[in-house]
Amino acid sequence: MGEIQKLVKDYRLTTAEILYHLPDHPNLLQAYIWQEYDIAPRFPVLHKFLDFWSHNLEGRLHSVKVANVGLIKAPDARFADALLQLH
């Protein structure tokens, strides 16, 4: 699916911080950052990745933090606090 099609279907840039137990040292946690276009709030692409992780990788999942931002949004406009002029 192309970028424009994803924009129209309300895909959002989704970032997940995945903490997992190291296979050789289960008391230690390691972080993995995952980023992909996904649809909030169900996140089917992230769920597919986490399902793959739990079935094919040795590191047991500890926690997942998710953040996302819409790709199409209104522009951010602000007034300047000061105007400085040189010369």
N, C-alpha and C. Protein backbone atom coordinates (compact mmCIF):
# COMPACT_ATOMS: atom_id res chain seq x y z
N MET A 1 0.85 -1.17 0.00
CA MET A 1 0.00 0.00 0.00
C MET A 1 0.89 1.24 0.00
N GLY A 2 0.57 2.21 -0.84
CA GLY A 2 1.38 3.41 -0.95
C GLY A 2 1.14 4.41 0.17
N GLU A 3 2.01 5.41 0.26
CA GLU A 3 1.92 6.43 1.31
C GLU A 3 0.59 7.18 1.26
N ILE A 4 0.15 7.57 0.08
CA ILE A 4 -1.09 8.34 -0.06
C ILE A 4 -2.28 7.50 0.39
N GLN A 5 -2.30 6.23 0.02
CA GLN A 5 -3.39 5.36 0.44
C GLN A 5 -3.43 5.21 1.95
N LYS A 6 -2.25 5.15 2.58
CA LYS A 6 -2.20 5.06 4.04
C LYS A 6 -2.72 6.33 4.68
N LEU A 7 -2.40 7.49 4.09
CA LEU A 7 -2.89 8.76 4.63
C LEU A 7 -4.41 8.81 4.60
N VAL A 8 -4.99 8.38 3.49
CA VAL A 8 -6.44 8.42 3.33
C VAL A 8 -7.13 7.45 4.28
N LYS A 9 -6.52 6.31 4.55
CA LYS A 9 -7.13 5.29 5.41
C LYS A 9 -6.82 5.51 6.89
N ASP A 10 -6.33 6.70 7.24
CA ASP A 10 -6.08 7.11 8.63
C ASP A 10 -5.01 6.27 9.34
N TYR A 11 -4.00 5.88 8.59
CA TYR A 11 -2.83 5.26 9.23
C TYR A 11 -2.09 6.34 10.01
N ARG A 12 -1.44 5.96 11.07
CA ARG A 12 -0.67 6.89 11.89
C ARG A 12 0.73 6.33 12.09
N LEU A 13 1.68 7.24 12.22
CA LEU A 13 3.04 6.81 12.53
C LEU A 13 3.03 6.33 13.98
N THR A 14 3.31 5.06 14.17
CA THR A 14 3.22 4.44 15.49
C THR A 14 4.61 4.00 15.94
N THR A 15 4.93 4.36 17.17
CA THR A 15 6.20 3.96 17.77
C THR A 15 5.91 3.16 19.03
N ALA A 16 6.57 2.02 19.16
CA ALA A 16 6.39 1.18 20.35
C ALA A 16 7.75 0.91 20.98
N GLU A 17 7.80 1.10 22.30
CA GLU A 17 8.99 0.71 23.07
C GLU A 17 8.67 -0.65 23.69
N ILE A 18 9.39 -1.65 23.26
CA ILE A 18 9.15 -3.02 23.70
C ILE A 18 10.26 -3.42 24.66
N LEU A 19 9.89 -3.73 25.89
CA LEU A 19 10.85 -4.25 26.86
C LEU A 19 10.70 -5.77 26.91
N TYR A 20 11.83 -6.45 26.86
CA TYR A 20 11.79 -7.92 26.87
C TYR A 20 12.91 -8.46 27.74
N HIS A 21 12.71 -9.68 28.22
CA HIS A 21 13.70 -10.36 29.05
C HIS A 21 14.77 -10.96 28.15
N LEU A 22 16.02 -10.80 28.51
CA LEU A 22 17.10 -11.43 27.75
C LEU A 22 17.03 -12.94 27.94
N PRO A 23 17.14 -13.72 26.87
CA PRO A 23 17.01 -15.18 26.99
C PRO A 23 18.03 -15.81 27.93
N ASP A 24 19.29 -15.34 27.89
CA ASP A 24 20.34 -15.93 28.73
C ASP A 24 20.34 -15.39 30.16
N HIS A 25 19.74 -14.21 30.36
CA HIS A 25 19.70 -13.56 31.68
C HIS A 25 18.28 -13.04 31.90
N PRO A 26 17.35 -13.88 32.29
CA PRO A 26 15.94 -13.50 32.37
C PRO A 26 15.63 -12.36 33.35
N ASN A 27 16.54 -12.06 34.28
CA ASN A 27 16.31 -10.96 35.21
C ASN A 27 16.66 -9.60 34.61
N LEU A 28 17.30 -9.59 33.45
CA LEU A 28 17.65 -8.34 32.78
C LEU A 28 16.67 -8.03 31.66
N LEU A 29 16.36 -6.74 31.52
CA LEU A 29 15.46 -6.29 30.46
C LEU A 29 16.25 -5.53 29.40
N GLN A 30 15.81 -5.64 28.18
CA GLN A 30 16.40 -4.87 27.07
C GLN A 30 15.26 -4.19 26.33
N ALA A 31 15.54 -3.03 25.76
CA ALA A 31 14.52 -2.28 25.03
C ALA A 31 14.73 -2.44 23.53
N TYR A 32 13.61 -2.50 22.81
CA TYR A 32 13.60 -2.54 21.36
C TYR A 32 12.59 -1.49 20.90
N ILE A 33 12.99 -0.62 19.99
CA ILE A 33 12.10 0.41 19.47
C ILE A 33 11.59 -0.03 18.10
N TRP A 34 10.28 -0.07 17.95
CA TRP A 34 9.62 -0.48 16.71
C TRP A 34 8.84 0.71 16.18
N GLN A 35 8.91 0.97 14.88
CA GLN A 35 8.17 2.09 14.30
C GLN A 35 7.64 1.69 12.93
N GLU A 36 6.35 1.96 12.72
CA GLU A 36 5.69 1.57 11.48
C GLU A 36 4.38 2.36 11.38
N TYR A 37 3.80 2.40 10.19
CA TYR A 37 2.48 3.00 10.02
C TYR A 37 1.44 1.98 10.45
N ASP A 38 0.48 2.43 11.28
CA ASP A 38 -0.53 1.52 11.81
C ASP A 38 -1.83 2.30 12.04
N ILE A 39 -2.90 1.58 12.29
CA ILE A 39 -4.21 2.20 12.50
C ILE A 39 -4.55 2.14 13.98
N ALA A 40 -4.73 3.32 14.60
CA ALA A 40 -5.12 3.39 16.01
C ALA A 40 -6.63 3.26 16.10
N PRO A 41 -7.20 2.74 17.15
CA PRO A 41 -6.60 2.27 18.39
C PRO A 41 -6.35 0.76 18.42
N ARG A 42 -6.66 0.05 17.33
CA ARG A 42 -6.49 -1.42 17.36
C ARG A 42 -5.08 -1.88 17.05
N PHE A 43 -4.32 -1.12 16.30
CA PHE A 43 -2.93 -1.41 15.96
C PHE A 43 -2.72 -2.82 15.40
N PRO A 44 -3.34 -3.15 14.27
CA PRO A 44 -3.20 -4.51 13.73
C PRO A 44 -1.78 -4.85 13.29
N VAL A 45 -1.03 -3.88 12.79
CA VAL A 45 0.35 -4.16 12.35
C VAL A 45 1.23 -4.46 13.57
N LEU A 46 1.08 -3.70 14.63
CA LEU A 46 1.84 -3.94 15.86
C LEU A 46 1.46 -5.29 16.47
N HIS A 47 0.18 -5.62 16.49
CA HIS A 47 -0.24 -6.92 17.03
C HIS A 47 0.34 -8.07 16.22
N LYS A 48 0.40 -7.90 14.92
CA LYS A 48 0.98 -8.94 14.07
C LYS A 48 2.47 -9.12 14.39
N PHE A 49 3.19 -7.99 14.60
CA PHE A 49 4.60 -8.06 14.95
C PHE A 49 4.79 -8.71 16.32
N LEU A 50 3.98 -8.34 17.30
CA LEU A 50 4.11 -8.92 18.65
C LEU A 50 3.75 -10.40 18.65
N ASP A 51 2.80 -10.80 17.82
CA ASP A 51 2.47 -12.21 17.69
C ASP A 51 3.65 -12.99 17.10
N PHE A 52 4.28 -12.42 16.07
CA PHE A 52 5.47 -13.04 15.49
C PHE A 52 6.56 -13.16 16.55
N TRP A 53 6.76 -12.08 17.33
CA TRP A 53 7.80 -12.08 18.38
C TRP A 53 7.55 -13.21 19.37
N SER A 54 6.33 -13.30 19.88
CA SER A 54 6.06 -14.28 20.93
C SER A 54 6.16 -15.72 20.44
N HIS A 55 5.96 -15.96 19.15
CA HIS A 55 6.02 -17.32 18.63
C HIS A 55 7.38 -17.71 18.05
N ASN A 56 8.21 -16.73 17.68
CA ASN A 56 9.44 -17.06 16.98
C ASN A 56 10.73 -16.59 17.65
N LEU A 57 10.65 -15.70 18.60
CA LEU A 57 11.86 -15.20 19.26
C LEU A 57 11.90 -15.67 20.70
N GLU A 58 13.10 -15.77 21.24
CA GLU A 58 13.28 -16.33 22.58
C GLU A 58 13.02 -15.33 23.70
N GLY A 59 13.23 -14.05 23.48
CA GLY A 59 13.07 -13.06 24.54
C GLY A 59 11.61 -12.86 24.91
N ARG A 60 11.25 -13.23 26.15
CA ARG A 60 9.87 -13.10 26.61
C ARG A 60 9.51 -11.64 26.80
N LEU A 61 8.36 -11.22 26.29
CA LEU A 61 7.94 -9.82 26.38
C LEU A 61 7.63 -9.43 27.82
N HIS A 62 8.05 -8.23 28.20
CA HIS A 62 7.76 -7.70 29.52
C HIS A 62 6.67 -6.64 29.44
N SER A 63 6.86 -5.62 28.58
CA SER A 63 5.87 -4.56 28.44
C SER A 63 6.04 -3.86 27.10
N VAL A 64 4.98 -3.16 26.69
CA VAL A 64 4.99 -2.42 25.43
C VAL A 64 4.33 -1.07 25.68
N LYS A 65 5.04 0.02 25.34
CA LYS A 65 4.49 1.37 25.40
C LYS A 65 4.29 1.85 23.97
N VAL A 66 3.12 2.41 23.69
CA VAL A 66 2.78 2.80 22.32
C VAL A 66 2.47 4.29 22.27
N ALA A 67 2.99 4.96 21.23
CA ALA A 67 2.67 6.36 20.94
C ALA A 67 2.41 6.46 19.45
N ASN A 68 1.49 7.36 19.07
CA ASN A 68 1.24 7.55 17.64
C ASN A 68 0.83 8.98 17.37
N VAL A 69 1.02 9.39 16.12
CA VAL A 69 0.66 10.74 15.70
C VAL A 69 0.03 10.64 14.31
N GLY A 70 -1.03 11.42 14.10
CA GLY A 70 -1.70 11.43 12.80
C GLY A 70 -0.80 12.03 11.73
N LEU A 71 -0.90 11.50 10.53
CA LEU A 71 -0.06 11.99 9.44
C LEU A 71 -0.64 13.24 8.80
N ILE A 72 -1.96 13.37 8.83
CA ILE A 72 -2.60 14.57 8.31
C ILE A 72 -3.21 15.30 9.50
N LYS A 73 -2.80 16.54 9.70
CA LYS A 73 -3.34 17.33 10.80
C LYS A 73 -3.28 18.80 10.42
N ALA A 74 -3.99 19.60 11.16
CA ALA A 74 -4.01 21.03 10.89
C ALA A 74 -2.64 21.63 11.18
N PRO A 75 -2.24 22.64 10.40
CA PRO A 75 -0.94 23.26 10.66
C PRO A 75 -0.92 23.98 12.00
N ASP A 76 0.24 24.02 12.60
CA ASP A 76 0.42 24.67 13.89
C ASP A 76 0.86 26.11 13.66
N ALA A 77 0.03 27.06 14.06
CA ALA A 77 0.35 28.49 13.89
C ALA A 77 0.44 29.15 15.25
N ARG A 78 1.47 30.00 15.42
CA ARG A 78 1.65 30.72 16.68
C ARG A 78 2.06 32.15 16.38
N PHE A 79 1.78 33.04 17.31
CA PHE A 79 2.25 34.41 17.20
C PHE A 79 3.62 34.52 17.84
N ALA A 80 4.47 35.33 17.26
CA ALA A 80 5.82 35.52 17.80
C ALA A 80 5.74 36.38 19.06
N ASP A 81 6.62 36.11 20.02
CA ASP A 81 6.68 36.89 21.25
C ASP A 81 7.39 38.22 21.04
N ALA A 82 8.29 38.27 20.08
CA ALA A 82 9.07 39.49 19.86
C ALA A 82 9.50 39.57 18.39
N LEU A 83 9.78 40.77 17.95
CA LEU A 83 10.29 41.00 16.62
C LEU A 83 11.63 41.71 16.75
N LEU A 84 12.67 41.09 16.29
CA LEU A 84 14.01 41.66 16.38
C LEU A 84 14.46 42.07 15.00
N GLN A 85 15.11 43.24 14.93
CA GLN A 85 15.53 43.76 13.63
C GLN A 85 17.00 44.16 13.71
N LEU A 86 17.80 43.72 12.76
CA LEU A 86 19.21 44.10 12.70
C LEU A 86 19.37 45.17 11.64
N HIS A 87 20.17 46.19 11.96
CA HIS A 87 20.49 47.31 11.07
C HIS A 87 19.32 48.17 10.88
